[in-house]
Amino acid sequence: TDTIGYPGLRPEALPSCTLKGVSAFMRSDACKRVIILTGAGISTNSGIADYRSTGGLYESLDPTVLSASPQEMAAIAADPEHVARFELFRANPLPFLEVKRAMIQGLAEDKFRPTCAHALGKVL
């Protein structure tokens, strides 16, 4: 059987650390809530670019075309993740919104479809 997690650490109500055992636990009264932790990669199969992979937003980012001051452009050029930092967004939200424009437009145009991973959250 395929074990999920470390088999030595499990709640008493969890019958086993297998998919079948976890599934049974989640359907039982002992399971009160389920939390799903994901990253940007959950949406890549929908056509939404992630940040760090080859061809991702940070790799293709050109600070010179953003509505940013020379200092902001230099900071983004030195560290592309700077475009998503709260401090920059608070001072000037335009660079982040410009980087996310294609995604925002795609959502408005219903261009992207949920994946199985998105559907899992609804099921749980």
N, C-alpha and C. Protein backbone atom coordinates (compact mmCIF):
# COMPACT_ATOMS: atom_id res chain seq x y z
N THR A 1 0.84 -1.20 0.00
CA THR A 1 0.00 0.00 0.00
C THR A 1 0.88 1.25 0.00
N ASP A 2 0.35 2.31 -0.57
CA ASP A 2 1.07 3.58 -0.60
C ASP A 2 0.79 4.34 0.69
N THR A 3 1.85 4.65 1.41
CA THR A 3 1.71 5.36 2.67
C THR A 3 1.80 6.86 2.43
N ILE A 4 0.92 7.62 3.05
CA ILE A 4 0.91 9.07 2.97
C ILE A 4 1.48 9.59 4.29
N GLY A 5 2.52 10.38 4.21
CA GLY A 5 3.10 10.95 5.43
C GLY A 5 3.95 9.93 6.17
N TYR A 6 4.27 10.26 7.40
CA TYR A 6 5.09 9.40 8.24
C TYR A 6 4.18 8.47 9.03
N PRO A 7 4.26 7.16 8.81
CA PRO A 7 3.31 6.24 9.42
C PRO A 7 3.37 6.18 10.95
N GLY A 8 4.46 6.65 11.54
CA GLY A 8 4.55 6.61 13.00
C GLY A 8 3.76 7.72 13.69
N LEU A 9 3.35 8.73 12.93
CA LEU A 9 2.61 9.85 13.49
C LEU A 9 1.24 9.93 12.83
N ARG A 10 0.22 9.52 13.55
CA ARG A 10 -1.13 9.61 13.00
C ARG A 10 -2.14 9.68 14.14
N PRO A 11 -3.24 10.41 13.89
CA PRO A 11 -4.29 10.45 14.92
C PRO A 11 -4.86 9.06 15.16
N GLU A 12 -5.31 8.83 16.35
CA GLU A 12 -5.87 7.52 16.70
C GLU A 12 -7.05 7.16 15.80
N ALA A 13 -7.83 8.16 15.39
CA ALA A 13 -9.01 7.91 14.56
C ALA A 13 -8.68 7.61 13.10
N LEU A 14 -7.42 7.81 12.71
CA LEU A 14 -7.01 7.54 11.33
C LEU A 14 -6.66 6.06 11.21
N PRO A 15 -7.45 5.29 10.45
CA PRO A 15 -7.23 3.86 10.39
C PRO A 15 -5.86 3.47 9.84
N SER A 16 -5.39 4.20 8.81
CA SER A 16 -4.08 3.93 8.24
C SER A 16 -3.65 5.16 7.44
N CYS A 17 -2.37 5.22 7.15
CA CYS A 17 -1.83 6.35 6.37
C CYS A 17 -1.81 6.01 4.89
N THR A 18 -2.87 5.42 4.41
CA THR A 18 -3.02 5.13 3.00
C THR A 18 -4.14 6.01 2.46
N LEU A 19 -4.28 6.08 1.15
CA LEU A 19 -5.36 6.88 0.57
C LEU A 19 -6.71 6.39 1.08
N LYS A 20 -6.88 5.08 1.17
CA LYS A 20 -8.14 4.51 1.66
C LYS A 20 -8.38 4.91 3.12
N GLY A 21 -7.32 4.84 3.94
CA GLY A 21 -7.45 5.20 5.35
C GLY A 21 -7.74 6.68 5.55
N VAL A 22 -7.06 7.53 4.80
CA VAL A 22 -7.29 8.97 4.90
C VAL A 22 -8.70 9.31 4.43
N SER A 23 -9.13 8.67 3.35
CA SER A 23 -10.48 8.89 2.84
C SER A 23 -11.53 8.50 3.88
N ALA A 24 -11.34 7.36 4.53
CA ALA A 24 -12.28 6.92 5.58
C ALA A 24 -12.28 7.91 6.74
N PHE A 25 -11.11 8.38 7.12
CA PHE A 25 -11.01 9.34 8.22
C PHE A 25 -11.74 10.64 7.86
N MET A 26 -11.57 11.11 6.63
CA MET A 26 -12.21 12.36 6.23
C MET A 26 -13.74 12.25 6.21
N ARG A 27 -14.26 11.07 5.97
CA ARG A 27 -15.71 10.87 5.96
C ARG A 27 -16.26 10.62 7.37
N SER A 28 -15.39 10.43 8.33
CA SER A 28 -15.84 10.10 9.69
C SER A 28 -16.16 11.37 10.48
N ASP A 29 -16.84 11.18 11.61
CA ASP A 29 -17.15 12.30 12.51
C ASP A 29 -15.90 12.82 13.21
N ALA A 30 -14.84 12.03 13.22
CA ALA A 30 -13.60 12.45 13.88
C ALA A 30 -12.89 13.57 13.11
N CYS A 31 -13.13 13.65 11.82
CA CYS A 31 -12.51 14.69 10.99
C CYS A 31 -13.39 15.93 11.04
N LYS A 32 -12.88 17.01 11.60
CA LYS A 32 -13.67 18.23 11.77
C LYS A 32 -13.47 19.22 10.63
N ARG A 33 -12.27 19.27 10.05
CA ARG A 33 -12.00 20.18 8.94
C ARG A 33 -10.82 19.68 8.14
N VAL A 34 -10.76 20.15 6.90
CA VAL A 34 -9.67 19.80 6.00
C VAL A 34 -9.07 21.09 5.48
N ILE A 35 -7.76 21.18 5.47
CA ILE A 35 -7.07 22.36 4.96
C ILE A 35 -6.24 21.93 3.76
N ILE A 36 -6.32 22.71 2.69
CA ILE A 36 -5.54 22.43 1.49
C ILE A 36 -4.54 23.57 1.31
N LEU A 37 -3.26 23.22 1.22
CA LEU A 37 -2.21 24.20 0.97
C LEU A 37 -1.69 24.00 -0.45
N THR A 38 -1.73 25.05 -1.25
CA THR A 38 -1.27 24.95 -2.63
C THR A 38 -0.36 26.12 -2.95
N GLY A 39 0.17 26.11 -4.13
CA GLY A 39 0.98 27.22 -4.63
C GLY A 39 0.45 27.64 -5.99
N ALA A 40 1.18 28.56 -6.62
CA ALA A 40 0.76 29.08 -7.92
C ALA A 40 0.69 27.97 -8.97
N GLY A 41 1.47 26.93 -8.81
CA GLY A 41 1.50 25.85 -9.78
C GLY A 41 0.18 25.10 -9.94
N ILE A 42 -0.72 25.24 -8.99
CA ILE A 42 -2.01 24.55 -9.08
C ILE A 42 -2.79 25.03 -10.30
N SER A 43 -2.52 26.24 -10.78
CA SER A 43 -3.29 26.81 -11.88
C SER A 43 -2.59 26.76 -13.23
N THR A 44 -1.39 26.23 -13.29
CA THR A 44 -0.66 26.24 -14.56
C THR A 44 -1.36 25.41 -15.63
N ASN A 45 -2.01 24.32 -15.27
CA ASN A 45 -2.72 23.51 -16.27
C ASN A 45 -3.96 24.22 -16.79
N SER A 46 -4.36 25.31 -16.13
CA SER A 46 -5.47 26.13 -16.61
C SER A 46 -4.99 27.17 -17.61
N GLY A 47 -3.66 27.30 -17.75
CA GLY A 47 -3.11 28.29 -18.65
C GLY A 47 -2.63 29.54 -17.95
N ILE A 48 -2.69 29.57 -16.63
CA ILE A 48 -2.22 30.71 -15.86
C ILE A 48 -0.76 30.47 -15.53
N ALA A 49 0.09 31.41 -15.93
CA ALA A 49 1.54 31.25 -15.70
C ALA A 49 1.85 31.32 -14.21
N ASP A 50 2.82 30.53 -13.79
CA ASP A 50 3.28 30.65 -12.41
C ASP A 50 4.38 31.69 -12.36
N TYR A 51 5.06 31.79 -11.25
CA TYR A 51 6.04 32.85 -11.07
C TYR A 51 7.46 32.43 -11.38
N ARG A 52 7.89 31.30 -10.87
CA ARG A 52 9.32 30.99 -10.85
C ARG A 52 9.80 29.99 -11.90
N SER A 53 8.92 29.27 -12.55
CA SER A 53 9.39 28.25 -13.49
C SER A 53 9.88 28.88 -14.79
N THR A 54 10.47 28.08 -15.65
CA THR A 54 10.92 28.55 -16.95
C THR A 54 9.74 29.16 -17.70
N GLY A 55 9.92 30.38 -18.16
CA GLY A 55 8.84 31.08 -18.85
C GLY A 55 7.82 31.70 -17.91
N GLY A 56 8.05 31.58 -16.61
CA GLY A 56 7.13 32.14 -15.62
C GLY A 56 7.18 33.66 -15.61
N LEU A 57 6.33 34.25 -14.80
CA LEU A 57 6.22 35.70 -14.75
C LEU A 57 7.53 36.39 -14.41
N TYR A 58 8.28 35.85 -13.47
CA TYR A 58 9.51 36.52 -13.06
C TYR A 58 10.58 36.47 -14.16
N GLU A 59 10.63 35.36 -14.91
CA GLU A 59 11.63 35.24 -15.95
C GLU A 59 11.34 36.17 -17.13
N SER A 60 10.08 36.37 -17.43
CA SER A 60 9.71 37.18 -18.59
C SER A 60 9.46 38.66 -18.24
N LEU A 61 9.67 39.01 -17.02
CA LEU A 61 9.40 40.37 -16.55
C LEU A 61 10.39 41.38 -17.12
N ASP A 62 9.87 42.44 -17.71
CA ASP A 62 10.70 43.53 -18.23
C ASP A 62 10.34 44.79 -17.45
N PRO A 63 11.14 45.17 -16.46
CA PRO A 63 10.81 46.32 -15.62
C PRO A 63 10.69 47.63 -16.39
N THR A 64 11.34 47.73 -17.54
CA THR A 64 11.34 49.00 -18.27
C THR A 64 9.99 49.34 -18.89
N VAL A 65 9.08 48.38 -19.01
CA VAL A 65 7.77 48.66 -19.59
C VAL A 65 6.69 48.86 -18.51
N LEU A 66 7.10 48.84 -17.26
CA LEU A 66 6.15 49.00 -16.16
C LEU A 66 6.03 50.46 -15.75
N SER A 67 4.89 50.84 -15.23
CA SER A 67 4.67 52.19 -14.71
C SER A 67 5.32 52.29 -13.33
N ALA A 68 6.64 52.42 -13.36
CA ALA A 68 7.43 52.43 -12.13
C ALA A 68 8.48 53.52 -12.21
N SER A 69 8.88 54.01 -11.06
CA SER A 69 9.95 55.00 -11.01
C SER A 69 11.27 54.31 -11.37
N PRO A 70 12.29 55.08 -11.72
CA PRO A 70 13.59 54.47 -11.99
C PRO A 70 14.11 53.62 -10.83
N GLN A 71 13.87 54.05 -9.60
CA GLN A 71 14.31 53.29 -8.44
C GLN A 71 13.52 51.98 -8.33
N GLU A 72 12.22 52.04 -8.59
CA GLU A 72 11.40 50.83 -8.54
C GLU A 72 11.81 49.86 -9.65
N MET A 73 12.06 50.39 -10.85
CA MET A 73 12.51 49.54 -11.96
C MET A 73 13.83 48.85 -11.63
N ALA A 74 14.75 49.60 -11.03
CA ALA A 74 16.04 49.02 -10.66
C ALA A 74 15.87 47.91 -9.63
N ALA A 75 14.98 48.14 -8.67
CA ALA A 75 14.73 47.12 -7.64
C ALA A 75 14.10 45.87 -8.25
N ILE A 76 13.18 46.04 -9.20
CA ILE A 76 12.54 44.91 -9.86
C ILE A 76 13.54 44.18 -10.75
N ALA A 77 14.42 44.94 -11.43
CA ALA A 77 15.44 44.32 -12.28
C ALA A 77 16.40 43.48 -11.45
N ALA A 78 16.75 43.98 -10.27
CA ALA A 78 17.67 43.26 -9.38
C ALA A 78 17.01 42.03 -8.77
N ASP A 79 15.71 42.13 -8.50
CA ASP A 79 14.97 41.03 -7.88
C ASP A 79 13.54 41.06 -8.40
N PRO A 80 13.22 40.26 -9.41
CA PRO A 80 11.88 40.29 -10.00
C PRO A 80 10.75 40.07 -8.99
N GLU A 81 11.04 39.38 -7.90
CA GLU A 81 10.01 39.16 -6.88
C GLU A 81 9.59 40.46 -6.22
N HIS A 82 10.39 41.49 -6.36
CA HIS A 82 10.07 42.79 -5.77
C HIS A 82 8.73 43.32 -6.29
N VAL A 83 8.37 42.97 -7.53
CA VAL A 83 7.12 43.45 -8.12
C VAL A 83 5.90 42.99 -7.31
N ALA A 84 6.04 41.89 -6.59
CA ALA A 84 4.92 41.34 -5.81
C ALA A 84 5.02 41.65 -4.32
N ARG A 85 5.96 42.46 -3.94
CA ARG A 85 6.11 42.79 -2.51
C ARG A 85 5.08 43.82 -2.08
N PHE A 86 4.57 43.64 -0.89
CA PHE A 86 3.52 44.52 -0.37
C PHE A 86 4.00 45.97 -0.28
N GLU A 87 5.26 46.16 0.07
CA GLU A 87 5.77 47.53 0.21
C GLU A 87 5.67 48.28 -1.12
N LEU A 88 6.03 47.62 -2.22
CA LEU A 88 5.91 48.26 -3.52
C LEU A 88 4.45 48.46 -3.88
N PHE A 89 3.63 47.46 -3.65
CA PHE A 89 2.20 47.57 -3.98
C PHE A 89 1.56 48.73 -3.24
N ARG A 90 1.91 48.89 -1.99
CA ARG A 90 1.35 49.98 -1.19
C ARG A 90 1.79 51.34 -1.74
N ALA A 91 3.05 51.43 -2.16
CA ALA A 91 3.57 52.69 -2.70
C ALA A 91 3.12 52.92 -4.15
N ASN A 92 3.04 51.85 -4.94
CA ASN A 92 2.71 51.95 -6.36
C ASN A 92 2.16 50.61 -6.83
N PRO A 93 0.85 50.44 -6.86
CA PRO A 93 0.28 49.14 -7.26
C PRO A 93 0.38 48.84 -8.76
N LEU A 94 0.67 49.84 -9.57
CA LEU A 94 0.64 49.65 -11.03
C LEU A 94 1.57 48.56 -11.54
N PRO A 95 2.84 48.48 -11.11
CA PRO A 95 3.68 47.40 -11.65
C PRO A 95 3.09 46.01 -11.44
N PHE A 96 2.59 45.73 -10.25
CA PHE A 96 2.00 44.41 -9.99
C PHE A 96 0.77 44.18 -10.85
N LEU A 97 -0.11 45.18 -10.92
CA LEU A 97 -1.33 45.02 -11.71
C LEU A 97 -1.01 44.86 -13.19
N GLU A 98 0.02 45.54 -13.67
CA GLU A 98 0.43 45.38 -15.07
C GLU A 98 0.97 43.98 -15.34
N VAL A 99 1.74 43.45 -14.40
CA VAL A 99 2.27 42.09 -14.54
C VAL A 99 1.12 41.07 -14.53
N LYS A 100 0.11 41.32 -13.74
CA LYS A 100 -1.02 40.39 -13.61
C LYS A 100 -2.14 40.67 -14.61
N ARG A 101 -1.95 41.64 -15.48
CA ARG A 101 -3.01 42.07 -16.40
C ARG A 101 -3.57 40.91 -17.23
N ALA A 102 -2.72 40.08 -17.83
CA ALA A 102 -3.20 38.98 -18.67
C ALA A 102 -4.07 38.01 -17.86
N MET A 103 -3.67 37.75 -16.61
CA MET A 103 -4.47 36.86 -15.78
C MET A 103 -5.80 37.51 -15.42
N ILE A 104 -5.76 38.79 -15.05
CA ILE A 104 -6.99 39.50 -14.68
C ILE A 104 -7.95 39.54 -15.86
N GLN A 105 -7.44 39.85 -17.05
CA GLN A 105 -8.29 39.87 -18.25
C GLN A 105 -8.82 38.47 -18.57
N GLY A 106 -7.96 37.47 -18.44
CA GLY A 106 -8.40 36.10 -18.70
C GLY A 106 -9.51 35.66 -17.77
N LEU A 107 -9.43 36.05 -16.52
CA LEU A 107 -10.50 35.73 -15.57
C LEU A 107 -11.79 36.44 -15.95
N ALA A 108 -11.67 37.73 -16.33
CA ALA A 108 -12.86 38.49 -16.72
C ALA A 108 -13.51 37.93 -17.98
N GLU A 109 -12.69 37.37 -18.87
CA GLU A 109 -13.20 36.81 -20.13
C GLU A 109 -13.53 35.33 -20.02
N ASP A 110 -13.44 34.79 -18.82
CA ASP A 110 -13.73 33.37 -18.57
C ASP A 110 -12.84 32.47 -19.42
N LYS A 111 -11.58 32.88 -19.59
CA LYS A 111 -10.62 32.15 -20.43
C LYS A 111 -10.07 30.91 -19.74
N PHE A 112 -9.98 30.93 -18.44
CA PHE A 112 -9.36 29.84 -17.69
C PHE A 112 -10.43 28.94 -17.09
N ARG A 113 -10.15 27.65 -17.07
CA ARG A 113 -11.07 26.65 -16.51
C ARG A 113 -10.41 25.99 -15.31
N PRO A 114 -11.19 25.69 -14.28
CA PRO A 114 -10.63 25.01 -13.11
C PRO A 114 -10.07 23.64 -13.48
N THR A 115 -9.03 23.23 -12.79
CA THR A 115 -8.44 21.90 -12.98
C THR A 115 -9.02 20.94 -11.96
N CYS A 116 -8.59 19.69 -12.03
CA CYS A 116 -9.02 18.69 -11.04
C CYS A 116 -8.59 19.12 -9.64
N ALA A 117 -7.41 19.73 -9.55
CA ALA A 117 -6.93 20.18 -8.24
C ALA A 117 -7.85 21.24 -7.65
N HIS A 118 -8.37 22.14 -8.50
CA HIS A 118 -9.32 23.13 -8.01
C HIS A 118 -10.63 22.45 -7.56
N ALA A 119 -11.07 21.48 -8.35
CA ALA A 119 -12.32 20.78 -8.02
C ALA A 119 -12.21 20.02 -6.71
N LEU A 120 -11.01 19.54 -6.39
CA LEU A 120 -10.82 18.81 -5.14
C LEU A 120 -11.22 19.67 -3.94
N GLY A 121 -10.87 20.94 -3.99
CA GLY A 121 -11.24 21.85 -2.89
C GLY A 121 -12.74 21.94 -2.70
N LYS A 122 -13.49 21.92 -3.79
CA LYS A 122 -14.95 21.96 -3.68
C LYS A 122 -15.50 20.68 -3.07
N VAL A 123 -14.92 19.56 -3.47
CA VAL A 123 -15.39 18.25 -2.98
C VAL A 123 -15.16 18.12 -1.48
N LEU A 124 -14.01 18.62 -1.04
CA LEU A 124 -13.68 18.49 0.38
C LEU A 124 -14.49 19.47 1.19
